[in-house]
Amino acid sequence: MTNSNINSFTKFFSYFWIAVTGKETNFTSGSLRKAIFMLSIPMILEMLMESIFALVDIAYVSQVSVNAVATIGLTESVITLIYALAIGLSMAATAVVARRIGEEDVRGARIAAVQAILLGILVAVLLGMLDVIAIQLQ
């Protein structure tokens, strides 16, 4: 390996470690590629763990029956739809909070964050109520 490859490799893992440990970093200045990389790492790891969770579920349930595997497949697809909704809400909240921080309006960022949390709770309660209703109708 050349010296530049070793430096790139070292940088990659140092950025990765900073992203995983959650060290506070100012992304308003500096490399845009670095900021996108560091902001994407937690979401990539979360989705990877969710996929592994589904695979482990299928591996254990496959010993029961084919119908059990089909059930896991159906529930994972519904969970993926819920994740899509959650990711959309979190992207919107992140954009609003980031804009307020970029404007140096910390109070506005806090208000936006609280509103996003309340909206998330409201959506969770509504989905929970729909689930209870669906179970009662069965």
N, C-alpha and C. Protein backbone atom coordinates (compact mmCIF):
# COMPACT_ATOMS: atom_id res chain seq x y z
N MET A 1 0.84 -1.19 0.00
CA MET A 1 0.00 0.00 0.00
C MET A 1 0.88 1.24 0.00
N THR A 2 0.42 2.23 -0.75
CA THR A 2 1.17 3.47 -0.79
C THR A 2 0.84 4.31 0.44
N ASN A 3 1.66 5.32 0.64
CA ASN A 3 1.48 6.20 1.78
C ASN A 3 0.14 6.94 1.73
N SER A 4 -0.30 7.36 0.52
CA SER A 4 -1.57 8.08 0.39
C SER A 4 -2.74 7.16 0.68
N ASN A 5 -2.64 5.87 0.31
CA ASN A 5 -3.70 4.92 0.62
C ASN A 5 -3.82 4.70 2.12
N ILE A 6 -2.69 4.65 2.78
CA ILE A 6 -2.70 4.46 4.24
C ILE A 6 -3.32 5.69 4.91
N ASN A 7 -2.97 6.89 4.43
CA ASN A 7 -3.56 8.11 4.98
C ASN A 7 -5.07 8.14 4.76
N SER A 8 -5.54 7.76 3.57
CA SER A 8 -6.98 7.73 3.29
C SER A 8 -7.68 6.73 4.18
N PHE A 9 -7.06 5.56 4.34
CA PHE A 9 -7.62 4.52 5.20
C PHE A 9 -7.72 5.00 6.64
N THR A 10 -6.68 5.65 7.12
CA THR A 10 -6.66 6.18 8.49
C THR A 10 -7.71 7.27 8.67
N LYS A 11 -7.84 8.16 7.69
CA LYS A 11 -8.86 9.22 7.76
C LYS A 11 -10.26 8.62 7.80
N PHE A 12 -10.49 7.62 6.93
CA PHE A 12 -11.79 6.97 6.88
C PHE A 12 -12.18 6.44 8.25
N PHE A 13 -11.29 5.71 8.90
CA PHE A 13 -11.62 5.13 10.20
C PHE A 13 -11.69 6.17 11.31
N SER A 14 -10.93 7.24 11.21
CA SER A 14 -11.05 8.29 12.23
C SER A 14 -12.39 9.00 12.09
N TYR A 15 -12.82 9.29 10.85
CA TYR A 15 -14.14 9.90 10.63
C TYR A 15 -15.25 8.95 11.06
N PHE A 16 -15.08 7.67 10.73
CA PHE A 16 -16.06 6.66 11.10
C PHE A 16 -16.20 6.60 12.63
N TRP A 17 -15.07 6.61 13.34
CA TRP A 17 -15.10 6.54 14.81
C TRP A 17 -15.77 7.77 15.40
N ILE A 18 -15.48 8.93 14.85
CA ILE A 18 -16.11 10.17 15.34
C ILE A 18 -17.62 10.10 15.13
N ALA A 19 -18.05 9.59 13.97
CA ALA A 19 -19.48 9.49 13.67
C ALA A 19 -20.18 8.50 14.60
N VAL A 20 -19.53 7.39 14.90
CA VAL A 20 -20.13 6.36 15.75
C VAL A 20 -20.19 6.80 17.21
N THR A 21 -19.17 7.49 17.68
CA THR A 21 -19.14 7.89 19.10
C THR A 21 -20.00 9.11 19.37
N GLY A 22 -20.43 9.82 18.33
CA GLY A 22 -21.33 10.95 18.51
C GLY A 22 -20.65 12.21 18.98
N LYS A 23 -19.38 12.34 18.69
CA LYS A 23 -18.66 13.55 19.08
C LYS A 23 -19.27 14.75 18.36
N GLU A 24 -19.51 15.82 19.10
CA GLU A 24 -20.13 17.01 18.52
C GLU A 24 -19.16 17.65 17.51
N THR A 25 -19.67 17.85 16.30
CA THR A 25 -18.85 18.38 15.22
C THR A 25 -19.62 19.47 14.51
N ASN A 26 -18.93 20.53 14.11
CA ASN A 26 -19.54 21.62 13.36
C ASN A 26 -19.42 21.30 11.87
N PHE A 27 -20.56 21.04 11.22
CA PHE A 27 -20.55 20.68 9.81
C PHE A 27 -20.82 21.88 8.91
N THR A 28 -20.95 23.08 9.48
CA THR A 28 -21.25 24.24 8.66
C THR A 28 -20.03 24.77 7.92
N SER A 29 -18.86 24.30 8.28
CA SER A 29 -17.65 24.70 7.55
C SER A 29 -16.83 23.44 7.30
N GLY A 30 -16.02 23.47 6.30
CA GLY A 30 -15.19 22.31 5.98
C GLY A 30 -15.74 21.54 4.80
N SER A 31 -15.25 20.34 4.63
CA SER A 31 -15.59 19.51 3.48
C SER A 31 -17.03 19.02 3.54
N LEU A 32 -17.74 19.20 2.43
CA LEU A 32 -19.11 18.72 2.34
C LEU A 32 -19.15 17.20 2.29
N ARG A 33 -18.17 16.60 1.60
CA ARG A 33 -18.11 15.14 1.52
C ARG A 33 -17.93 14.53 2.91
N LYS A 34 -17.07 15.13 3.71
CA LYS A 34 -16.85 14.64 5.07
C LYS A 34 -18.13 14.74 5.89
N ALA A 35 -18.83 15.86 5.77
CA ALA A 35 -20.06 16.05 6.53
C ALA A 35 -21.11 15.03 6.13
N ILE A 36 -21.30 14.81 4.84
CA ILE A 36 -22.29 13.84 4.37
C ILE A 36 -21.92 12.44 4.84
N PHE A 37 -20.65 12.10 4.75
CA PHE A 37 -20.19 10.78 5.20
C PHE A 37 -20.49 10.58 6.68
N MET A 38 -20.10 11.55 7.49
CA MET A 38 -20.26 11.40 8.94
C MET A 38 -21.73 11.42 9.36
N LEU A 39 -22.56 12.15 8.64
CA LEU A 39 -23.99 12.17 8.98
C LEU A 39 -24.70 10.91 8.51
N SER A 40 -24.17 10.26 7.49
CA SER A 40 -24.83 9.06 6.97
C SER A 40 -24.47 7.79 7.72
N ILE A 41 -23.35 7.76 8.39
CA ILE A 41 -22.89 6.55 9.06
C ILE A 41 -23.90 5.99 10.07
N PRO A 42 -24.46 6.79 10.98
CA PRO A 42 -25.42 6.21 11.94
C PRO A 42 -26.64 5.58 11.26
N MET A 43 -27.16 6.21 10.21
CA MET A 43 -28.33 5.66 9.52
C MET A 43 -27.98 4.37 8.79
N ILE A 44 -26.81 4.33 8.18
CA ILE A 44 -26.38 3.11 7.48
C ILE A 44 -26.24 1.97 8.47
N LEU A 45 -25.63 2.23 9.61
CA LEU A 45 -25.46 1.19 10.63
C LEU A 45 -26.81 0.72 11.18
N GLU A 46 -27.73 1.64 11.37
CA GLU A 46 -29.05 1.28 11.88
C GLU A 46 -29.78 0.38 10.89
N MET A 47 -29.75 0.72 9.61
CA MET A 47 -30.42 -0.10 8.61
C MET A 47 -29.73 -1.46 8.46
N LEU A 48 -28.42 -1.48 8.59
CA LEU A 48 -27.69 -2.75 8.54
C LEU A 48 -28.11 -3.65 9.70
N MET A 49 -28.21 -3.08 10.89
CA MET A 49 -28.63 -3.87 12.04
C MET A 49 -30.06 -4.36 11.89
N GLU A 50 -30.94 -3.55 11.31
CA GLU A 50 -32.32 -3.98 11.07
C GLU A 50 -32.36 -5.15 10.09
N SER A 51 -31.53 -5.11 9.06
CA SER A 51 -31.47 -6.21 8.10
C SER A 51 -30.96 -7.48 8.77
N ILE A 52 -29.96 -7.35 9.61
CA ILE A 52 -29.43 -8.52 10.33
C ILE A 52 -30.49 -9.07 11.28
N PHE A 53 -31.24 -8.18 11.91
CA PHE A 53 -32.33 -8.59 12.80
C PHE A 53 -33.34 -9.44 12.03
N ALA A 54 -33.72 -9.00 10.82
CA ALA A 54 -34.67 -9.75 10.00
C ALA A 54 -34.10 -11.11 9.59
N LEU A 55 -32.82 -11.14 9.24
CA LEU A 55 -32.19 -12.41 8.84
C LEU A 55 -32.15 -13.40 10.01
N VAL A 56 -31.85 -12.91 11.19
CA VAL A 56 -31.82 -13.79 12.36
C VAL A 56 -33.22 -14.29 12.67
N ASP A 57 -34.22 -13.41 12.56
CA ASP A 57 -35.60 -13.84 12.74
C ASP A 57 -35.95 -14.98 11.79
N ILE A 58 -35.62 -14.79 10.52
CA ILE A 58 -35.95 -15.80 9.51
C ILE A 58 -35.19 -17.09 9.79
N ALA A 59 -33.94 -17.00 10.19
CA ALA A 59 -33.15 -18.20 10.47
C ALA A 59 -33.78 -19.03 11.59
N TYR A 60 -34.24 -18.37 12.66
CA TYR A 60 -34.85 -19.10 13.76
C TYR A 60 -36.23 -19.62 13.41
N VAL A 61 -37.01 -18.80 12.74
CA VAL A 61 -38.39 -19.16 12.43
C VAL A 61 -38.46 -20.21 11.33
N SER A 62 -37.43 -20.28 10.49
CA SER A 62 -37.43 -21.27 9.41
C SER A 62 -37.46 -22.69 9.94
N GLN A 63 -37.06 -22.88 11.17
CA GLN A 63 -37.10 -24.21 11.79
C GLN A 63 -38.51 -24.61 12.19
N VAL A 64 -39.43 -23.64 12.21
CA VAL A 64 -40.81 -23.92 12.60
C VAL A 64 -41.63 -24.39 11.40
N SER A 65 -41.79 -23.47 10.40
CA SER A 65 -42.55 -23.84 9.21
C SER A 65 -42.37 -22.78 8.13
N VAL A 66 -42.86 -23.13 6.95
CA VAL A 66 -42.81 -22.19 5.82
C VAL A 66 -43.75 -21.02 6.08
N ASN A 67 -44.89 -21.28 6.71
CA ASN A 67 -45.84 -20.20 7.02
C ASN A 67 -45.24 -19.18 7.99
N ALA A 68 -44.43 -19.66 8.90
CA ALA A 68 -43.79 -18.74 9.84
C ALA A 68 -42.81 -17.82 9.12
N VAL A 69 -42.09 -18.36 8.14
CA VAL A 69 -41.17 -17.53 7.36
C VAL A 69 -41.95 -16.49 6.56
N ALA A 70 -43.09 -16.89 6.00
CA ALA A 70 -43.93 -15.95 5.25
C ALA A 70 -44.44 -14.83 6.17
N THR A 71 -44.77 -15.19 7.39
CA THR A 71 -45.23 -14.19 8.36
C THR A 71 -44.13 -13.17 8.65
N ILE A 72 -42.92 -13.65 8.81
CA ILE A 72 -41.79 -12.73 9.05
C ILE A 72 -41.62 -11.81 7.85
N GLY A 73 -41.72 -12.35 6.65
CA GLY A 73 -41.59 -11.53 5.44
C GLY A 73 -42.64 -10.44 5.37
N LEU A 74 -43.88 -10.78 5.72
CA LEU A 74 -44.95 -9.79 5.69
C LEU A 74 -44.75 -8.71 6.75
N THR A 75 -44.39 -9.13 7.96
CA THR A 75 -44.21 -8.13 9.01
C THR A 75 -43.01 -7.23 8.74
N GLU A 76 -41.95 -7.79 8.17
CA GLU A 76 -40.78 -6.96 7.84
C GLU A 76 -41.13 -5.91 6.79
N SER A 77 -42.00 -6.26 5.84
CA SER A 77 -42.38 -5.27 4.82
C SER A 77 -43.20 -4.14 5.44
N VAL A 78 -44.06 -4.46 6.40
CA VAL A 78 -44.83 -3.42 7.09
C VAL A 78 -43.90 -2.54 7.93
N ILE A 79 -42.96 -3.17 8.61
CA ILE A 79 -42.00 -2.42 9.42
C ILE A 79 -41.18 -1.49 8.53
N THR A 80 -40.83 -1.94 7.32
CA THR A 80 -40.09 -1.10 6.40
C THR A 80 -40.89 0.13 6.01
N LEU A 81 -42.20 0.00 5.83
CA LEU A 81 -43.04 1.16 5.53
C LEU A 81 -43.06 2.14 6.70
N ILE A 82 -43.12 1.61 7.91
CA ILE A 82 -43.09 2.48 9.09
C ILE A 82 -41.74 3.17 9.20
N TYR A 83 -40.66 2.44 8.91
CA TYR A 83 -39.33 3.06 8.90
C TYR A 83 -39.25 4.18 7.87
N ALA A 84 -39.84 3.98 6.71
CA ALA A 84 -39.83 5.02 5.67
C ALA A 84 -40.51 6.29 6.17
N LEU A 85 -41.62 6.14 6.86
CA LEU A 85 -42.30 7.29 7.45
C LEU A 85 -41.43 7.97 8.50
N ALA A 86 -40.82 7.16 9.36
CA ALA A 86 -39.96 7.71 10.41
C ALA A 86 -38.74 8.41 9.83
N ILE A 87 -38.14 7.82 8.80
CA ILE A 87 -36.97 8.43 8.18
C ILE A 87 -37.36 9.74 7.51
N GLY A 88 -38.51 9.78 6.85
CA GLY A 88 -38.98 11.02 6.23
C GLY A 88 -39.18 12.12 7.26
N LEU A 89 -39.81 11.79 8.38
CA LEU A 89 -40.01 12.78 9.45
C LEU A 89 -38.68 13.23 10.03
N SER A 90 -37.76 12.31 10.22
CA SER A 90 -36.48 12.69 10.81
C SER A 90 -35.65 13.54 9.84
N MET A 91 -35.75 13.26 8.54
CA MET A 91 -35.04 14.09 7.56
C MET A 91 -35.57 15.53 7.57
N ALA A 92 -36.90 15.64 7.61
CA ALA A 92 -37.50 16.97 7.65
C ALA A 92 -37.10 17.71 8.92
N ALA A 93 -37.15 17.02 10.05
CA ALA A 93 -36.77 17.65 11.31
C ALA A 93 -35.31 18.06 11.30
N THR A 94 -34.47 17.20 10.76
CA THR A 94 -33.04 17.51 10.68
C THR A 94 -32.80 18.74 9.82
N ALA A 95 -33.50 18.83 8.71
CA ALA A 95 -33.33 19.98 7.82
C ALA A 95 -33.75 21.28 8.50
N VAL A 96 -34.86 21.24 9.21
CA VAL A 96 -35.34 22.46 9.88
C VAL A 96 -34.39 22.85 11.01
N VAL A 97 -33.99 21.89 11.82
CA VAL A 97 -33.08 22.19 12.93
C VAL A 97 -31.74 22.68 12.39
N ALA A 98 -31.23 22.02 11.35
CA ALA A 98 -29.95 22.44 10.77
C ALA A 98 -30.03 23.85 10.21
N ARG A 99 -31.15 24.18 9.60
CA ARG A 99 -31.30 25.54 9.07
C ARG A 99 -31.26 26.57 10.20
N ARG A 100 -31.96 26.26 11.30
CA ARG A 100 -31.96 27.19 12.44
C ARG A 100 -30.56 27.31 13.04
N ILE A 101 -29.84 26.21 13.14
CA ILE A 101 -28.47 26.27 13.66
C ILE A 101 -27.59 27.06 12.71
N GLY A 102 -27.77 26.85 11.41
CA GLY A 102 -27.01 27.61 10.42
C GLY A 102 -27.28 29.10 10.52
N GLU A 103 -28.51 29.45 10.88
CA GLU A 103 -28.86 30.86 11.08
C GLU A 103 -28.44 31.36 12.45
N GLU A 104 -27.82 30.48 13.24
CA GLU A 104 -27.40 30.77 14.61
C GLU A 104 -28.58 31.12 15.51
N ASP A 105 -29.73 30.50 15.23
CA ASP A 105 -30.94 30.67 16.03
C ASP A 105 -31.14 29.41 16.87
N VAL A 106 -30.39 29.33 17.97
CA VAL A 106 -30.42 28.13 18.82
C VAL A 106 -31.80 27.94 19.44
N ARG A 107 -32.45 29.01 19.84
CA ARG A 107 -33.79 28.91 20.42
C ARG A 107 -34.77 28.35 19.40
N GLY A 108 -34.71 28.82 18.17
CA GLY A 108 -35.57 28.31 17.11
C GLY A 108 -35.29 26.85 16.81
N ALA A 109 -34.01 26.45 16.89
CA ALA A 109 -33.66 25.04 16.68
C ALA A 109 -34.25 24.17 17.78
N ARG A 110 -34.21 24.66 19.01
CA ARG A 110 -34.78 23.89 20.12
C ARG A 110 -36.29 23.73 19.96
N ILE A 111 -36.95 24.82 19.56
CA ILE A 111 -38.40 24.77 19.34
C ILE A 111 -38.73 23.78 18.22
N ALA A 112 -37.98 23.84 17.14
CA ALA A 112 -38.21 22.91 16.02
C ALA A 112 -37.97 21.47 16.44
N ALA A 113 -36.96 21.24 17.25
CA ALA A 113 -36.67 19.87 17.72
C ALA A 113 -37.80 19.35 18.59
N VAL A 114 -38.30 20.18 19.49
CA VAL A 114 -39.42 19.76 20.35
C VAL A 114 -40.66 19.48 19.52
N GLN A 115 -40.92 20.33 18.52
CA GLN A 115 -42.07 20.11 17.65
C GLN A 115 -41.93 18.80 16.87
N ALA A 116 -40.72 18.50 16.43
CA ALA A 116 -40.49 17.25 15.71
C ALA A 116 -40.71 16.05 16.62
N ILE A 117 -40.27 16.15 17.86
CA ILE A 117 -40.49 15.06 18.81
C ILE A 117 -41.97 14.87 19.08
N LEU A 118 -42.68 15.96 19.27
CA LEU A 118 -44.13 15.86 19.50
C LEU A 118 -44.85 15.28 18.28
N LEU A 119 -44.43 15.68 17.08
CA LEU A 119 -45.02 15.11 15.86
C LEU A 119 -44.74 13.61 15.78
N GLY A 120 -43.53 13.20 16.14
CA GLY A 120 -43.20 11.78 16.15
C GLY A 120 -44.06 11.01 17.14
N ILE A 121 -44.29 11.58 18.31
CA ILE A 121 -45.15 10.94 19.31
C ILE A 121 -46.58 10.84 18.80
N LEU A 122 -47.07 11.91 18.16
CA LEU A 122 -48.42 11.90 17.61
C LEU A 122 -48.57 10.82 16.54
N VAL A 123 -47.62 10.72 15.64
CA VAL A 123 -47.67 9.69 14.60
C VAL A 123 -47.62 8.30 15.22
N ALA A 124 -46.79 8.11 16.24
CA ALA A 124 -46.69 6.81 16.91
C ALA A 124 -48.01 6.44 17.58
N VAL A 125 -48.64 7.40 18.24
CA VAL A 125 -49.92 7.14 18.89
C VAL A 125 -50.99 6.79 17.85
N LEU A 126 -51.02 7.54 16.73
CA LEU A 126 -52.00 7.25 15.68
C LEU A 126 -51.78 5.86 15.09
N LEU A 127 -50.54 5.50 14.82
CA LEU A 127 -50.26 4.17 14.29
C LEU A 127 -50.62 3.09 15.30
N GLY A 128 -50.36 3.36 16.58
CA GLY A 128 -50.73 2.41 17.62
C GLY A 128 -52.23 2.21 17.71
N MET A 129 -52.97 3.32 17.59
CA MET A 129 -54.44 3.22 17.63
C MET A 129 -54.96 2.45 16.41
N LEU A 130 -54.38 2.68 15.25
CA LEU A 130 -54.78 1.93 14.07
C LEU A 130 -54.49 0.45 14.25
N ASP A 131 -53.38 0.13 14.88
CA ASP A 131 -53.04 -1.26 15.13
C ASP A 131 -54.02 -1.91 16.09
N VAL A 132 -54.38 -1.21 17.15
CA VAL A 132 -55.35 -1.75 18.11
C VAL A 132 -56.69 -1.97 17.43
N ILE A 133 -57.11 -1.04 16.60
CA ILE A 133 -58.37 -1.18 15.88
C ILE A 133 -58.32 -2.37 14.94
N ALA A 134 -57.21 -2.53 14.23
CA ALA A 134 -57.06 -3.66 13.30
C ALA A 134 -57.09 -4.98 14.05
N ILE A 135 -56.49 -5.04 15.22
CA ILE A 135 -56.50 -6.29 16.00
C ILE A 135 -57.90 -6.59 16.51
N GLN A 136 -58.64 -5.55 16.92
CA GLN A 136 -59.99 -5.74 17.42
C GLN A 136 -60.94 -6.23 16.34
N LEU A 137 -60.68 -5.83 15.09
CA LEU A 137 -61.55 -6.22 13.97
C LEU A 137 -61.33 -7.66 13.53
N GLN A 138 -60.24 -8.26 13.95
CA GLN A 138 -59.96 -9.64 13.52
C GLN A 138 -60.82 -10.63 14.21
